N, C-alpha and C. Protein backbone atom coordinates (compact mmCIF):
# COMPACT_ATOMS: atom_id res chain seq x y z
N MET A 1 0.83 -1.21 -0.03
CA MET A 1 -0.01 -0.01 -0.02
C MET A 1 0.87 1.28 -0.01
N GLU A 2 1.96 1.26 0.64
CA GLU A 2 2.80 2.43 0.74
C GLU A 2 3.94 2.43 -0.29
N ARG A 3 3.91 1.46 -1.18
CA ARG A 3 4.89 1.42 -2.27
C ARG A 3 4.16 1.88 -3.53
N TYR A 4 4.22 3.19 -3.74
CA TYR A 4 3.40 3.80 -4.78
C TYR A 4 4.02 3.64 -6.19
N GLN A 5 3.10 3.30 -7.10
CA GLN A 5 3.39 3.36 -8.55
C GLN A 5 2.09 3.82 -9.18
N ASP A 6 2.20 4.68 -10.18
CA ASP A 6 1.05 5.19 -10.85
C ASP A 6 0.12 4.02 -11.31
N PHE A 7 -1.18 4.13 -10.99
CA PHE A 7 -2.07 3.05 -11.28
C PHE A 7 -2.10 2.68 -12.78
N TRP A 8 -2.09 3.69 -13.61
CA TRP A 8 -2.13 3.48 -15.03
C TRP A 8 -0.86 2.73 -15.52
N ASP A 9 0.27 3.10 -14.89
CA ASP A 9 1.54 2.50 -15.32
C ASP A 9 1.63 0.97 -15.04
N PHE A 10 0.95 0.53 -13.97
CA PHE A 10 1.06 -0.88 -13.69
C PHE A 10 -0.17 -1.71 -14.17
N THR A 11 -1.23 -1.05 -14.65
CA THR A 11 -2.40 -1.76 -15.08
C THR A 11 -2.15 -2.54 -16.38
N GLU A 12 -1.53 -1.95 -17.34
CA GLU A 12 -1.30 -2.63 -18.60
C GLU A 12 -0.33 -3.82 -18.43
N PRO A 13 0.79 -3.67 -17.73
CA PRO A 13 1.66 -4.81 -17.51
C PRO A 13 0.95 -5.96 -16.77
N ALA A 14 0.08 -5.58 -15.78
CA ALA A 14 -0.66 -6.57 -15.05
C ALA A 14 -1.65 -7.28 -15.96
N LEU A 15 -2.30 -6.55 -16.87
CA LEU A 15 -3.21 -7.15 -17.82
C LEU A 15 -2.42 -8.10 -18.75
N ARG A 16 -1.32 -7.70 -19.22
CA ARG A 16 -0.48 -8.58 -20.12
C ARG A 16 -0.07 -9.82 -19.35
N ALA A 17 0.34 -9.71 -18.13
CA ALA A 17 0.78 -10.86 -17.32
C ALA A 17 -0.39 -11.82 -17.12
N ALA A 18 -1.56 -11.31 -16.82
CA ALA A 18 -2.76 -12.12 -16.62
C ALA A 18 -3.10 -12.90 -17.88
N VAL A 19 -3.04 -12.23 -19.03
CA VAL A 19 -3.37 -12.88 -20.29
C VAL A 19 -2.34 -13.98 -20.59
N THR A 20 -1.06 -13.71 -20.36
CA THR A 20 -0.04 -14.69 -20.58
C THR A 20 -0.19 -15.88 -19.61
N GLN A 21 -0.42 -15.58 -18.35
CA GLN A 21 -0.53 -16.62 -17.34
C GLN A 21 -1.72 -17.59 -17.65
N ARG A 22 -2.82 -16.97 -18.06
CA ARG A 22 -4.05 -17.75 -18.34
C ARG A 22 -4.06 -18.33 -19.77
N LYS A 23 -2.99 -18.05 -20.54
CA LYS A 23 -2.87 -18.51 -21.92
C LYS A 23 -4.07 -18.11 -22.77
N ILE A 24 -4.41 -16.81 -22.64
CA ILE A 24 -5.48 -16.24 -23.45
C ILE A 24 -4.90 -15.59 -24.67
N GLN A 25 -5.44 -15.88 -25.79
CA GLN A 25 -5.04 -15.25 -27.05
C GLN A 25 -5.61 -13.84 -27.14
N ALA A 26 -4.77 -12.82 -27.16
CA ALA A 26 -5.26 -11.44 -27.24
C ALA A 26 -4.26 -10.65 -28.01
N SER A 27 -4.70 -10.03 -29.05
CA SER A 27 -3.83 -9.21 -29.88
C SER A 27 -3.48 -7.91 -29.17
N ALA A 28 -2.52 -7.20 -29.65
CA ALA A 28 -2.12 -5.92 -29.08
C ALA A 28 -3.34 -4.97 -29.21
N GLU A 29 -4.07 -5.02 -30.29
CA GLU A 29 -5.25 -4.20 -30.50
C GLU A 29 -6.31 -4.49 -29.45
N LYS A 30 -6.55 -5.76 -29.08
CA LYS A 30 -7.51 -6.16 -28.12
C LYS A 30 -7.08 -5.63 -26.73
N LEU A 31 -5.83 -5.81 -26.40
CA LEU A 31 -5.35 -5.28 -25.11
C LEU A 31 -5.49 -3.77 -25.04
N HIS A 32 -5.19 -3.10 -26.15
CA HIS A 32 -5.30 -1.67 -26.16
C HIS A 32 -6.76 -1.28 -25.94
N GLY A 33 -7.67 -2.03 -26.50
CA GLY A 33 -9.09 -1.81 -26.34
C GLY A 33 -9.54 -1.96 -24.91
N ILE A 34 -8.99 -2.94 -24.26
CA ILE A 34 -9.31 -3.17 -22.83
C ILE A 34 -8.79 -2.03 -21.99
N MET A 35 -7.62 -1.55 -22.28
CA MET A 35 -7.05 -0.40 -21.55
C MET A 35 -7.89 0.81 -21.79
N ARG A 36 -8.36 1.05 -22.99
CA ARG A 36 -9.27 2.18 -23.33
C ARG A 36 -10.57 2.08 -22.48
N ALA A 37 -11.02 0.91 -22.23
CA ALA A 37 -12.25 0.69 -21.48
C ALA A 37 -12.08 1.15 -20.02
N TYR A 38 -10.90 1.14 -19.50
CA TYR A 38 -10.66 1.69 -18.17
C TYR A 38 -11.00 3.21 -18.09
N LEU A 39 -10.84 3.90 -19.23
CA LEU A 39 -11.08 5.31 -19.32
C LEU A 39 -12.48 5.64 -19.60
N ARG A 40 -13.33 4.65 -20.05
CA ARG A 40 -14.68 4.94 -20.45
C ARG A 40 -15.63 3.89 -19.95
N PRO A 41 -15.59 3.62 -18.66
CA PRO A 41 -16.59 2.62 -18.12
C PRO A 41 -17.99 3.26 -18.14
N SER A 42 -18.98 2.41 -18.37
CA SER A 42 -20.36 2.90 -18.34
C SER A 42 -20.88 2.93 -16.89
N ALA A 43 -21.56 3.99 -16.60
CA ALA A 43 -22.16 4.18 -15.29
C ALA A 43 -23.40 3.27 -15.20
N PHE A 44 -23.73 2.83 -14.00
CA PHE A 44 -24.96 2.13 -13.83
C PHE A 44 -26.17 2.96 -14.20
N PRO A 45 -27.24 2.36 -14.68
CA PRO A 45 -28.38 3.13 -15.13
C PRO A 45 -29.00 4.08 -14.12
N ASP A 46 -28.89 3.76 -12.84
CA ASP A 46 -29.57 4.59 -11.85
C ASP A 46 -28.67 5.71 -11.25
N VAL A 47 -27.44 5.85 -11.78
CA VAL A 47 -26.51 6.82 -11.26
C VAL A 47 -27.06 8.26 -11.37
N THR A 48 -27.51 8.59 -12.52
CA THR A 48 -28.06 9.99 -12.71
C THR A 48 -29.21 10.29 -11.79
N GLU A 49 -30.08 9.35 -11.63
CA GLU A 49 -31.26 9.53 -10.71
C GLU A 49 -30.77 9.73 -9.27
N ALA A 50 -29.79 8.90 -8.88
CA ALA A 50 -29.25 9.04 -7.50
C ALA A 50 -28.58 10.39 -7.33
N LEU A 51 -27.75 10.82 -8.28
CA LEU A 51 -27.10 12.11 -8.19
C LEU A 51 -28.06 13.27 -8.20
N ASP A 52 -29.11 13.13 -8.99
CA ASP A 52 -30.17 14.17 -8.98
C ASP A 52 -30.77 14.32 -7.60
N ALA A 53 -30.98 13.17 -6.93
CA ALA A 53 -31.56 13.21 -5.56
C ALA A 53 -30.64 13.85 -4.57
N LEU A 54 -29.38 13.88 -4.84
CA LEU A 54 -28.37 14.52 -3.95
C LEU A 54 -28.06 15.97 -4.30
N GLN A 55 -28.76 16.48 -5.29
CA GLN A 55 -28.53 17.89 -5.68
C GLN A 55 -28.54 18.85 -4.52
N GLY A 56 -27.65 19.75 -4.52
CA GLY A 56 -27.57 20.73 -3.42
C GLY A 56 -26.47 20.37 -2.44
N ALA A 57 -26.10 19.14 -2.41
CA ALA A 57 -24.99 18.69 -1.51
C ALA A 57 -23.67 18.70 -2.33
N PRO A 58 -22.62 19.20 -1.78
CA PRO A 58 -21.33 19.19 -2.51
C PRO A 58 -20.85 17.75 -2.63
N LEU A 59 -20.60 17.32 -3.85
CA LEU A 59 -20.22 15.97 -4.06
C LEU A 59 -18.79 15.91 -4.67
N ALA A 60 -18.06 14.88 -4.28
CA ALA A 60 -16.75 14.65 -4.79
C ALA A 60 -16.54 13.13 -4.96
N ILE A 61 -15.60 12.76 -5.77
CA ILE A 61 -15.24 11.38 -5.95
C ILE A 61 -13.82 11.19 -5.40
N LEU A 62 -13.68 10.18 -4.59
CA LEU A 62 -12.30 9.78 -4.11
C LEU A 62 -11.95 8.49 -4.83
N PHE A 63 -10.90 8.58 -5.64
CA PHE A 63 -10.59 7.54 -6.59
C PHE A 63 -9.18 7.03 -6.42
N ASN A 64 -8.98 5.71 -6.55
CA ASN A 64 -7.68 5.13 -6.40
C ASN A 64 -6.78 5.22 -7.60
N GLY A 65 -7.33 5.50 -8.76
CA GLY A 65 -6.55 5.46 -9.98
C GLY A 65 -5.83 6.73 -10.28
N SER A 66 -5.17 6.77 -11.42
CA SER A 66 -4.52 7.94 -11.96
C SER A 66 -5.55 9.03 -12.26
N PRO A 67 -5.19 10.29 -12.13
CA PRO A 67 -6.15 11.36 -12.33
C PRO A 67 -6.90 11.28 -13.63
N LYS A 68 -6.25 10.89 -14.72
CA LYS A 68 -6.95 10.83 -16.02
C LYS A 68 -8.04 9.80 -16.05
N MET A 69 -8.00 8.82 -15.19
CA MET A 69 -9.02 7.78 -15.24
C MET A 69 -10.37 8.24 -14.79
N PRO A 70 -10.47 8.78 -13.54
CA PRO A 70 -11.87 9.26 -13.15
C PRO A 70 -12.31 10.46 -13.96
N ASP A 71 -11.41 11.36 -14.32
CA ASP A 71 -11.79 12.51 -15.16
C ASP A 71 -12.43 12.03 -16.43
N SER A 72 -11.80 11.05 -17.06
CA SER A 72 -12.31 10.55 -18.34
C SER A 72 -13.67 9.82 -18.16
N ALA A 73 -13.73 9.02 -17.12
CA ALA A 73 -14.99 8.24 -16.88
C ALA A 73 -16.18 9.14 -16.55
N VAL A 74 -15.93 10.14 -15.69
CA VAL A 74 -17.00 11.09 -15.38
C VAL A 74 -17.47 11.86 -16.59
N HIS A 75 -16.49 12.33 -17.38
CA HIS A 75 -16.82 13.10 -18.60
C HIS A 75 -17.58 12.18 -19.59
N HIS A 76 -17.10 10.96 -19.78
CA HIS A 76 -17.68 9.98 -20.69
C HIS A 76 -19.13 9.73 -20.39
N ASN A 77 -19.47 9.74 -19.12
CA ASN A 77 -20.88 9.46 -18.70
C ASN A 77 -21.71 10.70 -18.50
N GLY A 78 -21.16 11.83 -18.83
CA GLY A 78 -21.94 13.12 -18.72
C GLY A 78 -22.23 13.51 -17.32
N LEU A 79 -21.34 13.19 -16.38
CA LEU A 79 -21.61 13.45 -14.95
C LEU A 79 -20.81 14.60 -14.39
N THR A 80 -20.02 15.29 -15.23
CA THR A 80 -19.11 16.31 -14.73
C THR A 80 -19.80 17.37 -13.88
N SER A 81 -20.96 17.77 -14.25
CA SER A 81 -21.69 18.84 -13.54
C SER A 81 -22.06 18.48 -12.12
N TYR A 82 -22.12 17.23 -11.78
CA TYR A 82 -22.57 16.78 -10.50
C TYR A 82 -21.46 16.90 -9.39
N PHE A 83 -20.20 16.98 -9.80
CA PHE A 83 -19.12 16.87 -8.88
C PHE A 83 -18.34 18.15 -8.77
N ALA A 84 -18.11 18.56 -7.48
CA ALA A 84 -17.31 19.78 -7.27
C ALA A 84 -15.85 19.41 -7.39
N GLU A 85 -15.49 18.17 -7.15
CA GLU A 85 -14.11 17.79 -7.24
C GLU A 85 -13.94 16.28 -7.45
N ILE A 86 -12.90 15.92 -8.17
CA ILE A 86 -12.49 14.54 -8.30
C ILE A 86 -11.14 14.45 -7.64
N ILE A 87 -11.06 13.63 -6.62
CA ILE A 87 -9.87 13.56 -5.79
C ILE A 87 -9.18 12.22 -6.11
N SER A 88 -7.92 12.24 -6.56
CA SER A 88 -7.22 11.06 -6.88
C SER A 88 -6.21 10.73 -5.76
N ALA A 89 -6.11 9.48 -5.41
CA ALA A 89 -5.15 9.03 -4.44
C ALA A 89 -3.73 9.29 -4.93
N ASP A 90 -3.60 9.53 -6.22
CA ASP A 90 -2.32 9.80 -6.85
C ASP A 90 -1.67 11.06 -6.15
N ARG A 91 -2.46 11.99 -5.68
CA ARG A 91 -1.92 13.14 -4.99
C ARG A 91 -1.10 12.79 -3.79
N LEU A 92 -1.48 11.74 -3.13
CA LEU A 92 -0.79 11.30 -1.90
C LEU A 92 0.28 10.22 -2.16
N LYS A 93 0.30 9.76 -3.36
CA LYS A 93 1.26 8.73 -3.75
C LYS A 93 1.10 7.45 -2.85
N THR A 94 -0.17 7.09 -2.62
CA THR A 94 -0.55 5.90 -1.94
C THR A 94 -1.95 5.51 -2.36
N TYR A 95 -2.49 4.41 -1.90
CA TYR A 95 -3.81 3.93 -2.31
C TYR A 95 -4.68 3.66 -1.12
N ARG A 96 -6.00 3.67 -1.33
CA ARG A 96 -6.95 3.16 -0.32
C ARG A 96 -6.60 1.68 -0.18
N PRO A 97 -6.67 1.14 0.99
CA PRO A 97 -7.32 1.62 2.19
C PRO A 97 -6.44 2.40 3.14
N SER A 98 -5.40 2.99 2.66
CA SER A 98 -4.53 3.81 3.52
C SER A 98 -5.36 4.88 4.16
N PRO A 99 -5.28 5.02 5.48
CA PRO A 99 -6.03 6.04 6.20
C PRO A 99 -5.78 7.44 5.65
N ARG A 100 -4.56 7.69 5.11
CA ARG A 100 -4.25 9.01 4.55
C ARG A 100 -5.14 9.33 3.35
N VAL A 101 -5.45 8.36 2.56
CA VAL A 101 -6.29 8.61 1.40
C VAL A 101 -7.72 8.88 1.89
N CYS A 102 -8.27 8.10 2.73
CA CYS A 102 -9.61 8.25 3.23
C CYS A 102 -9.78 9.62 3.94
N ALA A 103 -8.76 10.04 4.66
CA ALA A 103 -8.84 11.32 5.36
C ALA A 103 -8.71 12.55 4.45
N SER A 104 -8.15 12.30 3.28
CA SER A 104 -7.90 13.40 2.37
C SER A 104 -9.17 14.03 1.82
N GLY A 105 -10.21 13.24 1.66
CA GLY A 105 -11.46 13.73 1.11
C GLY A 105 -12.10 14.86 1.92
N PRO A 106 -12.40 14.60 3.20
CA PRO A 106 -13.01 15.66 4.01
C PRO A 106 -12.13 16.86 4.19
N ARG A 107 -10.79 16.66 4.15
CA ARG A 107 -9.90 17.80 4.31
C ARG A 107 -9.79 18.71 3.07
N ARG A 108 -10.20 18.20 1.94
CA ARG A 108 -10.03 19.01 0.70
C ARG A 108 -10.80 20.29 0.77
N ARG A 109 -12.11 20.14 0.95
CA ARG A 109 -13.06 21.26 1.10
C ARG A 109 -12.80 22.41 0.16
N THR A 110 -12.44 22.08 -1.08
CA THR A 110 -12.32 23.17 -2.09
C THR A 110 -13.61 23.48 -2.75
N TRP A 111 -14.61 22.67 -2.45
CA TRP A 111 -15.92 22.90 -3.04
C TRP A 111 -16.70 23.88 -2.21
N PRO A 112 -17.78 24.52 -2.78
CA PRO A 112 -18.54 25.50 -2.08
C PRO A 112 -19.20 24.87 -0.81
N SER A 113 -19.32 25.65 0.22
CA SER A 113 -19.97 25.16 1.45
C SER A 113 -21.40 25.59 1.49
């Protein structure tokens, strides 16, 4: 947990290792497509309804990945306007469940009160 490496930098080698270990045939193009999917996951159908119900409350996302990952996912799903901030554990150079990551969200308070 305290040995930091950028999430994006180790995800592709981990994917390649898993494919090799499991003897799965996957072209470079297929692997690249899987990596692109990390940047554009689909939100669950009820996400917008739930976020609408929380309107008026300052919302943020606390994310374990590289900053480009949640930024891309939120934008891809048209959810940018719901969030005052996207907080990446990358800022602290560690990952959840480190208490430093979990404590960083409430301390940010850069969104309107």
